[in-house]
Amino acid sequence: MSCPDEPIATIALRYADRLVVIDELRPDRDRRLLDLCARHVGAMTPPVGWVVEDARLAAVSSARP
């Protein structure tokens, strides 16, 4: 089953670090990564003990003067 909504972000799971990284949508699809729509990014919950890092927020804050 697939979501009919357009993806807005690419998700990477770093198992060794127990880290979920949300980043800007990559232009090329990578089978090792997840492309999610806004609804699914917002509803995503990490496994217990994992941390979510939203790299999109870091890019916005570093772009500010």
N, C-alpha and C. Protein backbone atom coordinates (compact mmCIF):
# COMPACT_ATOMS: atom_id res chain seq x y z
N MET A 1 0.85 -1.17 0.00
CA MET A 1 0.00 0.00 0.00
C MET A 1 0.90 1.24 0.00
N SER A 2 0.49 2.27 -0.69
CA SER A 2 1.27 3.50 -0.71
C SER A 2 0.35 4.68 -0.42
N CYS A 3 0.95 5.75 0.04
CA CYS A 3 0.22 6.97 0.37
C CYS A 3 0.01 7.77 -0.91
N PRO A 4 -1.17 8.32 -1.12
CA PRO A 4 -1.42 9.10 -2.32
C PRO A 4 -0.84 10.52 -2.27
N ASP A 5 -0.44 10.97 -1.08
CA ASP A 5 0.11 12.33 -0.93
C ASP A 5 1.56 12.39 -1.38
N GLU A 6 1.97 13.57 -1.83
CA GLU A 6 3.34 13.78 -2.29
C GLU A 6 4.30 13.79 -1.10
N PRO A 7 5.45 13.16 -1.23
CA PRO A 7 6.43 13.20 -0.14
C PRO A 7 7.04 14.59 0.00
N ILE A 8 7.38 14.94 1.24
CA ILE A 8 7.98 16.25 1.52
C ILE A 8 9.33 16.14 2.22
N ALA A 9 9.66 14.94 2.70
CA ALA A 9 10.89 14.76 3.46
C ALA A 9 11.43 13.35 3.26
N THR A 10 12.73 13.22 3.45
CA THR A 10 13.39 11.92 3.38
C THR A 10 13.84 11.56 4.79
N ILE A 11 13.56 10.33 5.18
CA ILE A 11 13.86 9.84 6.52
C ILE A 11 14.96 8.78 6.43
N ALA A 12 15.97 8.93 7.28
CA ALA A 12 17.04 7.93 7.37
C ALA A 12 17.03 7.34 8.77
N LEU A 13 17.19 6.04 8.86
CA LEU A 13 17.27 5.36 10.15
C LEU A 13 18.72 4.95 10.38
N ARG A 14 19.33 5.48 11.42
CA ARG A 14 20.71 5.13 11.77
C ARG A 14 20.67 4.21 12.97
N TYR A 15 20.63 2.92 12.68
CA TYR A 15 20.43 1.91 13.71
C TYR A 15 21.53 1.94 14.78
N ALA A 16 22.79 2.08 14.39
CA ALA A 16 23.90 2.05 15.34
C ALA A 16 23.78 3.19 16.36
N ASP A 17 23.22 4.33 15.93
CA ASP A 17 23.09 5.50 16.81
C ASP A 17 21.70 5.63 17.41
N ARG A 18 20.80 4.72 17.03
CA ARG A 18 19.38 4.82 17.45
C ARG A 18 18.85 6.21 17.14
N LEU A 19 19.00 6.60 15.88
CA LEU A 19 18.68 7.95 15.45
C LEU A 19 17.82 7.92 14.19
N VAL A 20 16.76 8.72 14.20
CA VAL A 20 15.91 8.93 13.03
C VAL A 20 16.22 10.34 12.54
N VAL A 21 16.68 10.46 11.30
CA VAL A 21 17.04 11.77 10.75
C VAL A 21 16.02 12.15 9.67
N ILE A 22 15.37 13.30 9.88
CA ILE A 22 14.43 13.84 8.90
C ILE A 22 15.17 14.92 8.14
N ASP A 23 15.16 14.83 6.82
CA ASP A 23 15.88 15.81 6.00
C ASP A 23 15.01 16.23 4.83
N GLU A 24 15.48 17.24 4.10
CA GLU A 24 14.77 17.68 2.90
C GLU A 24 14.60 16.49 1.96
N LEU A 25 13.55 16.53 1.17
CA LEU A 25 13.29 15.47 0.20
C LEU A 25 14.42 15.40 -0.80
N ARG A 26 14.99 14.24 -0.97
CA ARG A 26 16.07 14.05 -1.94
C ARG A 26 15.48 13.95 -3.33
N PRO A 27 16.15 14.51 -4.31
CA PRO A 27 15.61 14.48 -5.68
C PRO A 27 15.59 13.07 -6.29
N ASP A 28 16.53 12.24 -5.88
CA ASP A 28 16.57 10.87 -6.39
C ASP A 28 16.17 9.90 -5.29
N ARG A 29 15.31 8.96 -5.65
CA ARG A 29 14.84 7.97 -4.68
C ARG A 29 15.96 7.02 -4.32
N ASP A 30 16.10 6.73 -3.02
CA ASP A 30 17.08 5.77 -2.50
C ASP A 30 16.30 4.71 -1.74
N ARG A 31 16.44 3.46 -2.14
CA ARG A 31 15.66 2.37 -1.53
C ARG A 31 15.99 2.18 -0.05
N ARG A 32 17.12 2.70 0.41
CA ARG A 32 17.50 2.55 1.82
C ARG A 32 16.87 3.62 2.71
N LEU A 33 16.24 4.62 2.09
CA LEU A 33 15.65 5.74 2.82
C LEU A 33 14.14 5.76 2.61
N LEU A 34 13.44 6.48 3.47
CA LEU A 34 11.99 6.59 3.37
C LEU A 34 11.60 8.01 2.95
N ASP A 35 10.76 8.13 1.94
CA ASP A 35 10.21 9.43 1.55
C ASP A 35 8.78 9.48 2.08
N LEU A 36 8.50 10.48 2.93
CA LEU A 36 7.19 10.56 3.59
C LEU A 36 6.50 11.88 3.29
N CYS A 37 5.17 11.84 3.30
CA CYS A 37 4.35 13.04 3.13
C CYS A 37 4.29 13.78 4.47
N ALA A 38 3.74 14.98 4.46
CA ALA A 38 3.65 15.79 5.68
C ALA A 38 2.84 15.08 6.78
N ARG A 39 1.77 14.44 6.40
CA ARG A 39 0.93 13.75 7.39
C ARG A 39 1.71 12.64 8.08
N HIS A 40 2.45 11.85 7.31
CA HIS A 40 3.19 10.74 7.89
C HIS A 40 4.43 11.20 8.67
N VAL A 41 5.06 12.28 8.24
CA VAL A 41 6.18 12.83 9.02
C VAL A 41 5.65 13.30 10.38
N GLY A 42 4.51 13.98 10.38
CA GLY A 42 3.93 14.48 11.62
C GLY A 42 3.45 13.39 12.56
N ALA A 43 3.04 12.25 12.01
CA ALA A 43 2.52 11.16 12.82
C ALA A 43 3.59 10.15 13.22
N MET A 44 4.78 10.30 12.68
CA MET A 44 5.84 9.33 12.93
C MET A 44 6.31 9.39 14.38
N THR A 45 6.46 8.24 14.98
CA THR A 45 7.03 8.15 16.32
C THR A 45 8.22 7.19 16.26
N PRO A 46 9.31 7.57 16.89
CA PRO A 46 10.50 6.71 16.85
C PRO A 46 10.34 5.51 17.77
N PRO A 47 11.13 4.48 17.56
CA PRO A 47 11.13 3.37 18.51
C PRO A 47 11.57 3.87 19.89
N VAL A 48 11.18 3.18 20.93
CA VAL A 48 11.56 3.55 22.29
C VAL A 48 13.08 3.59 22.40
N GLY A 49 13.59 4.67 22.96
CA GLY A 49 15.03 4.83 23.14
C GLY A 49 15.73 5.49 21.97
N TRP A 50 15.01 5.77 20.90
CA TRP A 50 15.59 6.42 19.73
C TRP A 50 15.34 7.92 19.82
N VAL A 51 16.17 8.68 19.10
CA VAL A 51 16.07 10.14 19.06
C VAL A 51 15.74 10.55 17.63
N VAL A 52 14.91 11.60 17.50
CA VAL A 52 14.59 12.16 16.18
C VAL A 52 15.36 13.45 16.01
N GLU A 53 16.07 13.56 14.90
CA GLU A 53 16.80 14.78 14.56
C GLU A 53 16.22 15.33 13.26
N ASP A 54 15.69 16.53 13.32
CA ASP A 54 15.12 17.15 12.12
C ASP A 54 16.16 18.09 11.52
N ALA A 55 16.88 17.61 10.53
CA ALA A 55 17.93 18.40 9.88
C ALA A 55 17.37 19.59 9.13
N ARG A 56 16.08 19.55 8.81
CA ARG A 56 15.45 20.68 8.13
C ARG A 56 15.44 21.90 9.03
N LEU A 57 15.24 21.71 10.32
CA LEU A 57 15.23 22.82 11.28
C LEU A 57 16.62 23.41 11.43
N ALA A 58 17.64 22.58 11.42
CA ALA A 58 19.02 23.06 11.53
C ALA A 58 19.36 23.93 10.31
N ALA A 59 18.89 23.54 9.14
CA ALA A 59 19.16 24.32 7.93
C ALA A 59 18.49 25.69 8.00
N VAL A 60 17.28 25.74 8.56
CA VAL A 60 16.56 27.01 8.68
C VAL A 60 17.26 27.92 9.68
N SER A 61 17.66 27.39 10.83
CA SER A 61 18.28 28.23 11.86
C SER A 61 19.67 28.69 11.43
N SER A 62 20.40 27.91 10.64
CA SER A 62 21.72 28.34 10.20
C SER A 62 21.64 29.36 9.07
N ALA A 63 20.49 29.44 8.40
CA ALA A 63 20.32 30.40 7.32
C ALA A 63 19.97 31.80 7.83
N ARG A 64 19.56 31.88 9.07
CA ARG A 64 19.20 33.19 9.66
C ARG A 64 20.46 33.96 10.01
N PRO A 65 20.42 35.29 9.87
CA PRO A 65 21.59 36.13 10.20
C PRO A 65 21.88 36.19 11.68
